[in-house]
Amino acid sequence: MKEENIEMGANEELKPCPFCGGEAILIKEKIITRFYVECKKCSAMTNLFTTKEEAIEVWNRRTNNDR
C-alpha cells in the first residue's frame, strides 16, 4: 500500500495525539484514495475515510471537547 503525506490547508490543523501527545500527520493512500491520520510517535491512527476533512474531524474529536 503506497501512501503520501498530505499538506494541510491554512484552515486545517491536527491536534496532538490523544494517547502520547505526539505530532500527527494526514496520510492519503494512493491506490484507493482514502485518507487517515496517524501519530508519528506511537502510530495511533484513525480509520480510513473518503475525505481528508472526515479524517481530520475524527482525529481532532475529544470526549471532553477541550474542556
Protein backbone atom coordinates (compact mmCIF):
# COMPACT_ATOMS: atom_id res chain seq x y z
CA MET A 1 0.00 0.00 0.00
CA LYS A 2 1.65 3.24 -1.12
CA GLU A 3 0.95 6.35 0.90
CA GLU A 4 1.81 10.00 0.83
CA ASN A 5 1.88 12.70 3.47
CA ILE A 6 -0.68 15.40 2.60
CA GLU A 7 0.00 19.08 3.19
CA MET A 8 -2.52 20.75 5.48
CA GLY A 9 -4.52 23.76 4.29
CA ALA A 10 -4.44 27.11 6.08
CA ASN A 11 -7.72 26.35 7.91
CA GLU A 12 -6.75 22.77 8.78
CA GLU A 13 -4.93 21.74 11.94
CA LEU A 14 -4.33 18.40 13.63
CA LYS A 15 -4.38 18.19 17.40
CA PRO A 16 -1.57 16.29 19.15
CA CYS A 17 -2.07 12.56 19.65
CA PRO A 18 -4.61 11.90 22.42
CA PHE A 19 -2.51 8.95 23.63
CA CYS A 20 1.08 10.18 23.67
CA GLY A 21 0.92 13.88 22.70
CA GLY A 22 2.98 13.25 19.55
CA GLU A 23 2.70 15.07 16.24
CA ALA A 24 0.06 13.76 13.82
CA ILE A 25 0.17 13.65 10.03
CA LEU A 26 -2.54 13.32 7.39
CA ILE A 27 -1.96 10.40 5.01
CA LYS A 28 -3.53 9.72 1.62
CA GLU A 29 -3.49 6.19 0.25
CA LYS A 30 -2.66 6.33 -3.44
CA ILE A 31 -4.38 3.18 -4.66
CA ILE A 32 -7.91 3.63 -3.31
CA THR A 33 -7.81 7.37 -2.47
CA ARG A 34 -8.70 7.15 1.18
CA PHE A 35 -7.41 9.36 4.00
CA TYR A 36 -6.36 8.77 7.58
CA VAL A 37 -4.42 10.49 10.35
CA GLU A 38 -1.52 8.82 12.12
CA CYS A 39 0.68 9.76 15.07
CA LYS A 40 4.36 9.98 14.11
CA LYS A 41 5.42 8.91 17.62
CA CYS A 42 3.16 5.99 18.68
CA SER A 43 1.50 5.11 15.32
CA ALA A 44 -2.07 5.51 16.63
CA MET A 45 -4.36 6.11 13.66
CA THR A 46 -7.92 6.74 12.54
CA ASN A 47 -9.95 4.50 10.27
CA LEU A 48 -9.93 5.19 6.53
CA PHE A 49 -12.20 7.97 5.25
CA THR A 50 -13.24 9.13 1.79
CA THR A 51 -12.33 12.77 2.50
CA LYS A 52 -9.46 14.38 4.34
CA GLU A 53 -11.95 16.57 6.20
CA GLU A 54 -13.59 13.50 7.75
CA ALA A 55 -10.24 12.07 8.85
CA ILE A 56 -9.20 15.40 10.40
CA GLU A 57 -12.55 15.82 12.17
CA VAL A 58 -12.38 12.35 13.73
CA TRP A 59 -8.75 12.75 14.81
CA ASN A 60 -9.44 16.12 16.42
CA ARG A 61 -12.55 14.93 18.28
CA ARG A 62 -12.07 14.59 22.05
CA THR A 63 -14.53 13.24 24.60
CA ASN A 64 -14.27 16.37 26.74
CA ASN A 65 -14.43 18.82 23.78
CA ASP A 66 -11.30 20.57 25.10
CA ARG A 67 -12.89 21.49 28.41
